[in-house]
Amino acid sequence: MAVPKKRTSKSKKNMRKANWKRQAKLAAKKALSLGKSVLTQRSHSFVYPSNEEEEEED
């Protein structure tokens, strides 16, 4: 089992934590943006069946 030999500095720990939070914030922003575009039916990057196609198949 690998064990670190020296203690990680506070600044390195804070940088890693800030990077992790930044990535989570970006992912949440993208998800919200995609959700909004799907609700307004302006999405070009997300494929989903529309009500018109379902009515034509019946």
PDB file of N, CA and C in Angstrom:
ATOM      1  N   MET A   1       0.839  -1.175   0.000  1.00  0.00           N
ATOM      2  CA  MET A   1       0.000   0.000   0.000  1.00  0.00           C
ATOM      3  C   MET A   1       0.887   1.243   0.000  1.00  0.00           C
ATOM      4  N   ALA A   2       0.625   2.170  -0.893  1.00  0.00           N
ATOM      5  CA  ALA A   2       1.447   3.379  -1.016  1.00  0.00           C
ATOM      6  C   ALA A   2       1.087   4.380   0.076  1.00  0.00           C
ATOM      7  N   VAL A   3       2.127   4.894   0.707  1.00  0.00           N
ATOM      8  CA  VAL A   3       1.934   5.886   1.769  1.00  0.00           C
ATOM      9  C   VAL A   3       2.803   7.093   1.449  1.00  0.00           C
ATOM     10  N   PRO A   4       2.243   8.319   1.487  1.00  0.00           N
ATOM     11  CA  PRO A   4       3.065   9.493   1.217  1.00  0.00           C
ATOM     12  C   PRO A   4       4.132   9.672   2.296  1.00  0.00           C
ATOM     13  N   LYS A   5       5.308  10.101   1.871  1.00  0.00           N
ATOM     14  CA  LYS A   5       6.408  10.231   2.817  1.00  0.00           C
ATOM     15  C   LYS A   5       6.386  11.554   3.558  1.00  0.00           C
ATOM     16  N   LYS A   6       5.864  12.595   2.918  1.00  0.00           N
ATOM     17  CA  LYS A   6       5.834  13.898   3.570  1.00  0.00           C
ATOM     18  C   LYS A   6       4.424  14.452   3.565  1.00  0.00           C
ATOM     19  N   ARG A   7       4.204  15.348   4.467  1.00  0.00           N
ATOM     20  CA  ARG A   7       2.889  15.979   4.585  1.00  0.00           C
ATOM     21  C   ARG A   7       2.661  16.956   3.417  1.00  0.00           C
ATOM     22  N   THR A   8       1.450  16.963   2.891  1.00  0.00           N
ATOM     23  CA  THR A   8       1.097  17.885   1.810  1.00  0.00           C
ATOM     24  C   THR A   8       0.882  19.279   2.391  1.00  0.00           C
ATOM     25  N   SER A   9       1.413  20.272   1.720  1.00  0.00           N
ATOM     26  CA  SER A   9       1.302  21.639   2.229  1.00  0.00           C
ATOM     27  C   SER A   9      -0.145  22.130   2.127  1.00  0.00           C
ATOM     28  N   LYS A  10      -0.452  23.112   2.938  1.00  0.00           N
ATOM     29  CA  LYS A  10      -1.802  23.682   2.972  1.00  0.00           C
ATOM     30  C   LYS A  10      -2.170  24.302   1.624  1.00  0.00           C
ATOM     31  N   SER A  11      -1.192  24.959   0.979  1.00  0.00           N
ATOM     32  CA  SER A  11      -1.480  25.614  -0.297  1.00  0.00           C
ATOM     33  C   SER A  11      -1.795  24.583  -1.384  1.00  0.00           C
ATOM     34  N   LYS A  12      -1.065  23.462  -1.411  1.00  0.00           N
ATOM     35  CA  LYS A  12      -1.348  22.422  -2.400  1.00  0.00           C
ATOM     36  C   LYS A  12      -2.721  21.818  -2.157  1.00  0.00           C
ATOM     37  N   LYS A  13      -3.061  21.595  -0.884  1.00  0.00           N
ATOM     38  CA  LYS A  13      -4.368  21.043  -0.546  1.00  0.00           C
ATOM     39  C   LYS A  13      -5.478  22.004  -0.990  1.00  0.00           C
ATOM     40  N   ASN A  14      -5.279  23.299  -0.750  1.00  0.00           N
ATOM     41  CA  ASN A  14      -6.277  24.297  -1.135  1.00  0.00           C
ATOM     42  C   ASN A  14      -6.400  24.409  -2.656  1.00  0.00           C
ATOM     43  N   MET A  15      -5.271  24.293  -3.373  1.00  0.00           N
ATOM     44  CA  MET A  15      -5.321  24.342  -4.833  1.00  0.00           C
ATOM     45  C   MET A  15      -6.117  23.159  -5.381  1.00  0.00           C
ATOM     46  N   ARG A  16      -5.871  21.970  -4.843  1.00  0.00           N
ATOM     47  CA  ARG A  16      -6.595  20.788  -5.309  1.00  0.00           C
ATOM     48  C   ARG A  16      -8.082  20.903  -5.007  1.00  0.00           C
ATOM     49  N   LYS A  17      -8.401  21.390  -3.834  1.00  0.00           N
ATOM     50  CA  LYS A  17      -9.809  21.548  -3.451  1.00  0.00           C
ATOM     51  C   LYS A  17     -10.498  22.581  -4.333  1.00  0.00           C
ATOM     52  N   ALA A  18      -9.808  23.691  -4.630  1.00  0.00           N
ATOM     53  CA  ALA A  18     -10.367  24.736  -5.481  1.00  0.00           C
ATOM     54  C   ALA A  18     -10.591  24.214  -6.897  1.00  0.00           C
ATOM     55  N   ASN A  19      -9.655  23.417  -7.397  1.00  0.00           N
ATOM     56  CA  ASN A  19      -9.789  22.832  -8.729  1.00  0.00           C
ATOM     57  C   ASN A  19     -10.982  21.871  -8.770  1.00  0.00           C
ATOM     58  N   TRP A  20     -11.138  21.061  -7.743  1.00  0.00           N
ATOM     59  CA  TRP A  20     -12.246  20.114  -7.664  1.00  0.00           C
ATOM     60  C   TRP A  20     -13.581  20.863  -7.637  1.00  0.00           C
ATOM     61  N   LYS A  21     -13.645  21.943  -6.862  1.00  0.00           N
ATOM     62  CA  LYS A  21     -14.874  22.734  -6.786  1.00  0.00           C
ATOM     63  C   LYS A  21     -15.152  23.442  -8.109  1.00  0.00           C
ATOM     64  N   ARG A  22     -14.108  23.919  -8.785  1.00  0.00           N
ATOM     65  CA  ARG A  22     -14.275  24.586 -10.067  1.00  0.00           C
ATOM     66  C   ARG A  22     -14.841  23.621 -11.108  1.00  0.00           C
ATOM     67  N   GLN A  23     -14.341  22.387 -11.125  1.00  0.00           N
ATOM     68  CA  GLN A  23     -14.844  21.392 -12.062  1.00  0.00           C
ATOM     69  C   GLN A  23     -16.313  21.069 -11.779  1.00  0.00           C
ATOM     70  N   ALA A  24     -16.674  20.957 -10.510  1.00  0.00           N
ATOM     71  CA  ALA A  24     -18.063  20.673 -10.145  1.00  0.00           C
ATOM     72  C   ALA A  24     -18.963  21.837 -10.537  1.00  0.00           C
ATOM     73  N   LYS A  25     -18.493  23.061 -10.343  1.00  0.00           N
ATOM     74  CA  LYS A  25     -19.279  24.236 -10.699  1.00  0.00           C
ATOM     75  C   LYS A  25     -19.518  24.298 -12.204  1.00  0.00           C
ATOM     76  N   LEU A  26     -18.477  23.978 -12.992  1.00  0.00           N
ATOM     77  CA  LEU A  26     -18.601  23.980 -14.446  1.00  0.00           C
ATOM     78  C   LEU A  26     -19.578  22.896 -14.911  1.00  0.00           C
ATOM     79  N   ALA A  27     -19.506  21.716 -14.313  1.00  0.00           N
ATOM     80  CA  ALA A  27     -20.418  20.627 -14.684  1.00  0.00           C
ATOM     81  C   ALA A  27     -21.862  20.991 -14.352  1.00  0.00           C
ATOM     82  N   ALA A  28     -22.076  21.628 -13.211  1.00  0.00           N
ATOM     83  CA  ALA A  28     -23.425  22.045 -12.820  1.00  0.00           C
ATOM     84  C   ALA A  28     -23.951  23.118 -13.770  1.00  0.00           C
ATOM     85  N   LYS A  29     -23.074  24.031 -14.172  1.00  0.00           N
ATOM     86  CA  LYS A  29     -23.478  25.096 -15.097  1.00  0.00           C
ATOM     87  C   LYS A  29     -23.874  24.523 -16.454  1.00  0.00           C
ATOM     88  N   LYS A  30     -23.102  23.538 -16.946  1.00  0.00           N
ATOM     89  CA  LYS A  30     -23.421  22.898 -18.215  1.00  0.00           C
ATOM     90  C   LYS A  30     -24.745  22.146 -18.130  1.00  0.00           C
ATOM     91  N   ALA A  31     -24.967  21.432 -17.026  1.00  0.00           N
ATOM     92  CA  ALA A  31     -26.204  20.671 -16.860  1.00  0.00           C
ATOM     93  C   ALA A  31     -27.406  21.602 -16.817  1.00  0.00           C
ATOM     94  N   LEU A  32     -27.290  22.712 -16.122  1.00  0.00           N
ATOM     95  CA  LEU A  32     -28.386  23.680 -16.043  1.00  0.00           C
ATOM     96  C   LEU A  32     -28.659  24.295 -17.407  1.00  0.00           C
ATOM     97  N   SER A  33     -27.600  24.610 -18.136  1.00  0.00           N
ATOM     98  CA  SER A  33     -27.748  25.182 -19.465  1.00  0.00           C
ATOM     99  C   SER A  33     -28.442  24.200 -20.409  1.00  0.00           C
ATOM    100  N   LEU A  34     -28.047  22.922 -20.343  1.00  0.00           N
ATOM    101  CA  LEU A  34     -28.670  21.907 -21.191  1.00  0.00           C
ATOM    102  C   LEU A  34     -30.131  21.726 -20.813  1.00  0.00           C
ATOM    103  N   GLY A  35     -30.423  21.722 -19.526  1.00  0.00           N
ATOM    104  CA  GLY A  35     -31.806  21.595 -19.073  1.00  0.00           C
ATOM    105  C   GLY A  35     -32.666  22.743 -19.560  1.00  0.00           C
ATOM    106  N   LYS A  36     -32.141  23.948 -19.496  1.00  0.00           N
ATOM    107  CA  LYS A  36     -32.893  25.115 -19.971  1.00  0.00           C
ATOM    108  C   LYS A  36     -33.138  25.034 -21.473  1.00  0.00           C
ATOM    109  N   SER A  37     -32.128  24.612 -22.232  1.00  0.00           N
ATOM    110  CA  SER A  37     -32.296  24.533 -23.675  1.00  0.00           C
ATOM    111  C   SER A  37     -33.283  23.438 -24.066  1.00  0.00           C
ATOM    112  N   VAL A  38     -33.314  22.349 -23.306  1.00  0.00           N
ATOM    113  CA  VAL A  38     -34.273  21.284 -23.582  1.00  0.00           C
ATOM    114  C   VAL A  38     -35.686  21.769 -23.289  1.00  0.00           C
ATOM    115  N   LEU A  39     -35.860  22.495 -22.204  1.00  0.00           N
ATOM    116  CA  LEU A  39     -37.190  22.999 -21.856  1.00  0.00           C
ATOM    117  C   LEU A  39     -37.705  24.016 -22.871  1.00  0.00           C
ATOM    118  N   THR A  40     -36.814  24.806 -23.426  1.00  0.00           N
ATOM    119  CA  THR A  40     -37.240  25.798 -24.417  1.00  0.00           C
ATOM    120  C   THR A  40     -37.231  25.227 -25.828  1.00  0.00           C
ATOM    121  N   GLN A  41     -36.865  23.953 -25.973  1.00  0.00           N
ATOM    122  CA  GLN A  41     -36.801  23.227 -27.245  1.00  0.00           C
ATOM    123  C   GLN A  41     -35.860  23.887 -28.237  1.00  0.00           C
ATOM    124  N   ARG A  42     -34.765  24.430 -27.749  1.00  0.00           N
ATOM    125  CA  ARG A  42     -33.747  25.032 -28.613  1.00  0.00           C
ATOM    126  C   ARG A  42     -32.460  24.210 -28.619  1.00  0.00           C
ATOM    127  N   SER A  43     -32.511  23.036 -28.051  1.00  0.00           N
ATOM    128  CA  SER A  43     -31.312  22.223 -27.939  1.00  0.00           C
ATOM    129  C   SER A  43     -30.934  21.599 -29.271  1.00  0.00           C
ATOM    130  N   HIS A  44     -29.655  21.711 -29.628  1.00  0.00           N
ATOM    131  CA  HIS A  44     -29.145  21.083 -30.843  1.00  0.00           C
ATOM    132  C   HIS A  44     -28.180  19.958 -30.495  1.00  0.00           C
ATOM    133  N   SER A  45     -27.717  19.901 -29.255  1.00  0.00           N
ATOM    134  CA  SER A  45     -26.726  18.902 -28.874  1.00  0.00           C
ATOM    135  C   SER A  45     -27.353  17.734 -28.109  1.00  0.00           C
ATOM    136  N   PHE A  46     -28.642  17.784 -27.881  1.00  0.00           N
ATOM    137  CA  PHE A  46     -29.299  16.749 -27.086  1.00  0.00           C
ATOM    138  C   PHE A  46     -30.464  16.202 -27.896  1.00  0.00           C
ATOM    139  N   VAL A  47     -30.477  14.908 -28.158  1.00  0.00           N
ATOM    140  CA  VAL A  47     -31.509  14.307 -28.996  1.00  0.00           C
ATOM    141  C   VAL A  47     -32.548  13.656 -28.092  1.00  0.00           C
ATOM    142  N   TYR A  48     -33.797  13.989 -28.298  1.00  0.00           N
ATOM    143  CA  TYR A  48     -34.880  13.399 -27.531  1.00  0.00           C
ATOM    144  C   TYR A  48     -36.132  13.384 -28.404  1.00  0.00           C
ATOM    145  N   PRO A  49     -37.024  12.434 -28.179  1.00  0.00           N
ATOM    146  CA  PRO A  49     -38.233  12.371 -29.012  1.00  0.00           C
ATOM    147  C   PRO A  49     -39.183  13.513 -28.679  1.00  0.00           C
ATOM    148  N   SER A  50     -39.746  14.105 -29.699  1.00  0.00           N
ATOM    149  CA  SER A  50     -40.703  15.184 -29.475  1.00  0.00           C
ATOM    150  C   SER A  50     -42.114  14.629 -29.559  1.00  0.00           C
ATOM    151  N   ASN A  51     -43.096  15.384 -29.114  1.00  0.00           N
ATOM    152  CA  ASN A  51     -44.484  14.949 -29.123  1.00  0.00           C
ATOM    153  C   ASN A  51     -45.005  14.764 -30.542  1.00  0.00           C
ATOM    154  N   GLU A  52     -44.516  15.561 -31.485  1.00  0.00           N
ATOM    155  CA  GLU A  52     -44.965  15.473 -32.871  1.00  0.00           C
ATOM    156  C   GLU A  52     -44.618  14.124 -33.485  1.00  0.00           C
ATOM    157  N   GLU A  53     -43.416  13.630 -33.210  1.00  0.00           N
ATOM    158  CA  GLU A  53     -42.995  12.342 -33.759  1.00  0.00           C
ATOM    159  C   GLU A  53     -43.820  11.197 -33.169  1.00  0.00           C
ATOM    160  N   GLU A  54     -44.160  11.290 -31.875  1.00  0.00           N
ATOM    161  CA  GLU A  54     -44.930  10.244 -31.228  1.00  0.00           C
ATOM    162  C   GLU A  54     -46.354  10.193 -31.797  1.00  0.00           C
ATOM    163  N   GLU A  55     -46.942  11.334 -32.096  1.00  0.00           N
ATOM    164  CA  GLU A  55     -48.296  11.374 -32.636  1.00  0.00           C
ATOM    165  C   GLU A  55     -48.357  10.801 -34.038  1.00  0.00           C
ATOM    166  N   GLU A  56     -47.305  11.026 -34.829  1.00  0.00           N
ATOM    167  CA  GLU A  56     -47.260  10.514 -36.192  1.00  0.00           C
ATOM    168  C   GLU A  56     -47.148   9.004 -36.224  1.00  0.00           C
ATOM    169  N   GLU A  57     -46.444   8.414 -35.241  1.00  0.00           N
ATOM    170  CA  GLU A  57     -46.252   6.967 -35.207  1.00  0.00           C
ATOM    171  C   GLU A  57     -47.525   6.229 -34.821  1.00  0.00           C
ATOM    172  N   ASP A  58     -48.399   6.832 -34.017  1.00  0.00           N
ATOM    173  CA  ASP A  58     -49.617   6.165 -33.554  1.00  0.00           C
ATOM    174  C   ASP A  58     -50.638   5.956 -34.619  1.00  0.00           C
TER     175      ASP A  58
END
